Amino acid sequence: MEVADLQGDTLVVGVSNHIEIWNPQRYEHFFKESMSFEESVDKLFAKKS
């Protein structure tokens, strides 16, 4: 489990039709660095010049 850095606590997240198993610290970092839903929608539907 070294690739996923799963040592000690783990976080199980249900996503659509599968589950993801995360190291809690990596999960938190990933989502802090990700765009918010609103930012994603704005980027997706932004008018192109």
PDB file of N, CA and C in Angstrom:
ATOM      1  N   MET A   1       0.803  -1.205   0.000  1.00  0.00           N
ATOM      2  CA  MET A   1       0.000   0.000   0.000  1.00  0.00           C
ATOM      3  C   MET A   1       0.846   1.269   0.000  1.00  0.00           C
ATOM      4  N   GLU A   2       2.113   1.129  -0.341  1.00  0.00           N
ATOM      5  CA  GLU A   2       2.997   2.289  -0.349  1.00  0.00           C
ATOM      6  C   GLU A   2       2.610   3.316  -1.403  1.00  0.00           C
ATOM      7  N   VAL A   3       2.147   2.879  -2.556  1.00  0.00           N
ATOM      8  CA  VAL A   3       1.795   3.811  -3.631  1.00  0.00           C
ATOM      9  C   VAL A   3       0.726   4.792  -3.170  1.00  0.00           C
ATOM     10  N   ALA A   4      -0.259   4.313  -2.466  1.00  0.00           N
ATOM     11  CA  ALA A   4      -1.346   5.165  -1.983  1.00  0.00           C
ATOM     12  C   ALA A   4      -1.033   5.795  -0.630  1.00  0.00           C
ATOM     13  N   ASP A   5       0.090   5.462  -0.044  1.00  0.00           N
ATOM     14  CA  ASP A   5       0.490   5.993   1.262  1.00  0.00           C
ATOM     15  C   ASP A   5      -0.560   5.668   2.326  1.00  0.00           C
ATOM     16  N   LEU A   6      -1.042   4.420   2.319  1.00  0.00           N
ATOM     17  CA  LEU A   6      -2.056   3.995   3.276  1.00  0.00           C
ATOM     18  C   LEU A   6      -1.387   3.317   4.464  1.00  0.00           C
ATOM     19  N   GLN A   7      -1.073   4.125   5.455  1.00  0.00           N
ATOM     20  CA  GLN A   7      -0.486   3.624   6.690  1.00  0.00           C
ATOM     21  C   GLN A   7      -1.273   4.245   7.832  1.00  0.00           C
ATOM     22  N   GLY A   8      -1.925   3.446   8.608  1.00  0.00           N
ATOM     23  CA  GLY A   8      -2.735   3.990   9.703  1.00  0.00           C
ATOM     24  C   GLY A   8      -4.152   4.263   9.228  1.00  0.00           C
ATOM     25  N   ASP A   9      -4.628   5.478   9.509  1.00  0.00           N
ATOM     26  CA  ASP A   9      -6.006   5.838   9.161  1.00  0.00           C
ATOM     27  C   ASP A   9      -6.209   5.879   7.660  1.00  0.00           C
ATOM     28  N   THR A  10      -7.421   5.509   7.223  1.00  0.00           N
ATOM     29  CA  THR A  10      -7.803   5.611   5.819  1.00  0.00           C
ATOM     30  C   THR A  10      -9.180   6.246   5.733  1.00  0.00           C
ATOM     31  N   LEU A  11      -9.483   6.762   4.568  1.00  0.00           N
ATOM     32  CA  LEU A  11     -10.769   7.393   4.314  1.00  0.00           C
ATOM     33  C   LEU A  11     -11.393   6.694   3.123  1.00  0.00           C
ATOM     34  N   VAL A  12     -12.618   6.209   3.264  1.00  0.00           N
ATOM     35  CA  VAL A  12     -13.330   5.543   2.176  1.00  0.00           C
ATOM     36  C   VAL A  12     -14.413   6.491   1.689  1.00  0.00           C
ATOM     37  N   VAL A  13     -14.375   6.795   0.378  1.00  0.00           N
ATOM     38  CA  VAL A  13     -15.291   7.768  -0.211  1.00  0.00           C
ATOM     39  C   VAL A  13     -16.071   7.088  -1.323  1.00  0.00           C
ATOM     40  N   GLY A  14     -17.409   7.182  -1.288  1.00  0.00           N
ATOM     41  CA  GLY A  14     -18.246   6.662  -2.360  1.00  0.00           C
ATOM     42  C   GLY A  14     -18.347   7.693  -3.462  1.00  0.00           C
ATOM     43  N   VAL A  15     -18.001   7.272  -4.701  1.00  0.00           N
ATOM     44  CA  VAL A  15     -18.017   8.183  -5.842  1.00  0.00           C
ATOM     45  C   VAL A  15     -18.758   7.504  -6.983  1.00  0.00           C
ATOM     46  N   SER A  16     -19.944   8.014  -7.302  1.00  0.00           N
ATOM     47  CA  SER A  16     -20.757   7.482  -8.396  1.00  0.00           C
ATOM     48  C   SER A  16     -20.936   5.969  -8.240  1.00  0.00           C
ATOM     49  N   ASN A  17     -20.249   5.181  -9.065  1.00  0.00           N
ATOM     50  CA  ASN A  17     -20.436   3.725  -9.026  1.00  0.00           C
ATOM     51  C   ASN A  17     -19.208   2.977  -8.503  1.00  0.00           C
ATOM     52  N   HIS A  18     -18.343   3.677  -7.751  1.00  0.00           N
ATOM     53  CA  HIS A  18     -17.156   3.023  -7.187  1.00  0.00           C
ATOM     54  C   HIS A  18     -16.769   3.693  -5.864  1.00  0.00           C
ATOM     55  N   ILE A  19     -15.815   3.109  -5.196  1.00  0.00           N
ATOM     56  CA  ILE A  19     -15.293   3.729  -3.978  1.00  0.00           C
ATOM     57  C   ILE A  19     -13.826   4.084  -4.185  1.00  0.00           C
ATOM     58  N   GLU A  20     -13.372   5.072  -3.416  1.00  0.00           N
ATOM     59  CA  GLU A  20     -11.968   5.446  -3.419  1.00  0.00           C
ATOM     60  C   GLU A  20     -11.459   5.337  -1.986  1.00  0.00           C
ATOM     61  N   ILE A  21     -10.257   4.839  -1.827  1.00  0.00           N
ATOM     62  CA  ILE A  21      -9.642   4.713  -0.516  1.00  0.00           C
ATOM     63  C   ILE A  21      -8.458   5.683  -0.486  1.00  0.00           C
ATOM     64  N   TRP A  22      -8.504   6.619   0.454  1.00  0.00           N
ATOM     65  CA  TRP A  22      -7.536   7.706   0.521  1.00  0.00           C
ATOM     66  C   TRP A  22      -6.794   7.726   1.852  1.00  0.00           C
ATOM     67  N   ASN A  23      -5.585   8.256   1.817  1.00  0.00           N
ATOM     68  CA  ASN A  23      -4.906   8.720   3.014  1.00  0.00           C
ATOM     69  C   ASN A  23      -5.604  10.042   3.360  1.00  0.00           C
ATOM     70  N   PRO A  24      -6.118  10.229   4.576  1.00  0.00           N
ATOM     71  CA  PRO A  24      -6.883  11.429   4.906  1.00  0.00           C
ATOM     72  C   PRO A  24      -6.141  12.741   4.625  1.00  0.00           C
ATOM     73  N   GLN A  25      -4.836  12.784   4.869  1.00  0.00           N
ATOM     74  CA  GLN A  25      -4.081  14.007   4.609  1.00  0.00           C
ATOM     75  C   GLN A  25      -3.971  14.294   3.107  1.00  0.00           C
ATOM     76  N   ARG A  26      -3.770  13.260   2.312  1.00  0.00           N
ATOM     77  CA  ARG A  26      -3.708  13.449   0.850  1.00  0.00           C
ATOM     78  C   ARG A  26      -5.057  13.892   0.303  1.00  0.00           C
ATOM     79  N   TYR A  27      -6.134  13.328   0.822  1.00  0.00           N
ATOM     80  CA  TYR A  27      -7.482  13.709   0.394  1.00  0.00           C
ATOM     81  C   TYR A  27      -7.712  15.191   0.661  1.00  0.00           C
ATOM     82  N   GLU A  28      -7.390  15.626   1.862  1.00  0.00           N
ATOM     83  CA  GLU A  28      -7.576  17.035   2.227  1.00  0.00           C
ATOM     84  C   GLU A  28      -6.744  17.939   1.324  1.00  0.00           C
ATOM     85  N   HIS A  29      -5.489  17.588   1.103  1.00  0.00           N
ATOM     86  CA  HIS A  29      -4.610  18.390   0.254  1.00  0.00           C
ATOM     87  C   HIS A  29      -5.139  18.429  -1.183  1.00  0.00           C
ATOM     88  N   PHE A  30      -5.567  17.293  -1.707  1.00  0.00           N
ATOM     89  CA  PHE A  30      -6.075  17.225  -3.081  1.00  0.00           C
ATOM     90  C   PHE A  30      -7.242  18.180  -3.272  1.00  0.00           C
ATOM     91  N   PHE A  31      -8.179  18.192  -2.336  1.00  0.00           N
ATOM     92  CA  PHE A  31      -9.360  19.020  -2.506  1.00  0.00           C
ATOM     93  C   PHE A  31      -9.117  20.484  -2.174  1.00  0.00           C
ATOM     94  N   LYS A  32      -8.126  20.785  -1.369  1.00  0.00           N
ATOM     95  CA  LYS A  32      -7.757  22.190  -1.150  1.00  0.00           C
ATOM     96  C   LYS A  32      -7.157  22.774  -2.413  1.00  0.00           C
ATOM     97  N   GLU A  33      -6.443  21.939  -3.176  1.00  0.00           N
ATOM     98  CA  GLU A  33      -5.783  22.395  -4.397  1.00  0.00           C
ATOM     99  C   GLU A  33      -6.709  22.346  -5.619  1.00  0.00           C
ATOM    100  N   SER A  34      -7.857  21.680  -5.512  1.00  0.00           N
ATOM    101  CA  SER A  34      -8.775  21.539  -6.630  1.00  0.00           C
ATOM    102  C   SER A  34      -9.653  22.777  -6.769  1.00  0.00           C
ATOM    103  N   MET A  35     -10.200  22.940  -7.960  1.00  0.00           N
ATOM    104  CA  MET A  35     -11.154  24.020  -8.179  1.00  0.00           C
ATOM    105  C   MET A  35     -12.449  23.726  -7.443  1.00  0.00           C
ATOM    106  N   SER A  36     -13.133  24.789  -7.050  1.00  0.00           N
ATOM    107  CA  SER A  36     -14.453  24.612  -6.459  1.00  0.00           C
ATOM    108  C   SER A  36     -15.434  24.240  -7.569  1.00  0.00           C
ATOM    109  N   PHE A  37     -16.603  23.772  -7.198  1.00  0.00           N
ATOM    110  CA  PHE A  37     -17.637  23.426  -8.174  1.00  0.00           C
ATOM    111  C   PHE A  37     -17.984  24.648  -9.013  1.00  0.00           C
ATOM    112  N   GLU A  38     -18.123  25.791  -8.355  1.00  0.00           N
ATOM    113  CA  GLU A  38     -18.480  27.018  -9.055  1.00  0.00           C
ATOM    114  C   GLU A  38     -17.395  27.417 -10.059  1.00  0.00           C
ATOM    115  N   GLU A  39     -16.125  27.278  -9.667  1.00  0.00           N
ATOM    116  CA  GLU A  39     -15.024  27.595 -10.578  1.00  0.00           C
ATOM    117  C   GLU A  39     -15.023  26.652 -11.773  1.00  0.00           C
ATOM    118  N   SER A  40     -15.318  25.381 -11.530  1.00  0.00           N
ATOM    119  CA  SER A  40     -15.363  24.396 -12.609  1.00  0.00           C
ATOM    120  C   SER A  40     -16.462  24.726 -13.602  1.00  0.00           C
ATOM    121  N   VAL A  41     -17.640  25.087 -13.104  1.00  0.00           N
ATOM    122  CA  VAL A  41     -18.764  25.435 -13.977  1.00  0.00           C
ATOM    123  C   VAL A  41     -18.438  26.693 -14.769  1.00  0.00           C
ATOM    124  N   ASP A  42     -17.881  27.704 -14.096  1.00  0.00           N
ATOM    125  CA  ASP A  42     -17.513  28.936 -14.794  1.00  0.00           C
ATOM    126  C   ASP A  42     -16.516  28.652 -15.918  1.00  0.00           C
ATOM    127  N   LYS A  43     -15.534  27.818 -15.642  1.00  0.00           N
ATOM    128  CA  LYS A  43     -14.529  27.487 -16.646  1.00  0.00           C
ATOM    129  C   LYS A  43     -15.146  26.690 -17.795  1.00  0.00           C
ATOM    130  N   LEU A  44     -16.018  25.768 -17.470  1.00  0.00           N
ATOM    131  CA  LEU A  44     -16.657  24.927 -18.487  1.00  0.00           C
ATOM    132  C   LEU A  44     -17.524  25.745 -19.439  1.00  0.00           C
ATOM    133  N   PHE A  45     -18.270  26.722 -18.892  1.00  0.00           N
ATOM    134  CA  PHE A  45     -19.210  27.475 -19.691  1.00  0.00           C
ATOM    135  C   PHE A  45     -18.729  28.874 -20.044  1.00  0.00           C
ATOM    136  N   ALA A  46     -17.462  29.145 -19.838  1.00  0.00           N
ATOM    137  CA  ALA A  46     -16.916  30.472 -20.156  1.00  0.00           C
ATOM    138  C   ALA A  46     -16.986  30.718 -21.657  1.00  0.00           C
ATOM    139  N   LYS A  47     -17.334  31.945 -21.989  1.00  0.00           N
ATOM    140  CA  LYS A  47     -17.371  32.314 -23.408  1.00  0.00           C
ATOM    141  C   LYS A  47     -15.950  32.452 -23.916  1.00  0.00           C
ATOM    142  N   LYS A  48     -15.706  31.879 -25.073  1.00  0.00           N
ATOM    143  CA  LYS A  48     -14.380  31.960 -25.678  1.00  0.00           C
ATOM    144  C   LYS A  48     -14.351  33.135 -26.647  1.00  0.00           C
ATOM    145  N   SER A  49     -13.300  33.915 -26.575  1.00  0.00           N
ATOM    146  CA  SER A  49     -13.176  35.097 -27.445  1.00  0.00           C
ATOM    147  C   SER A  49     -12.554  34.729 -28.768  1.00  0.00           C
TER     148      SER A  49
END
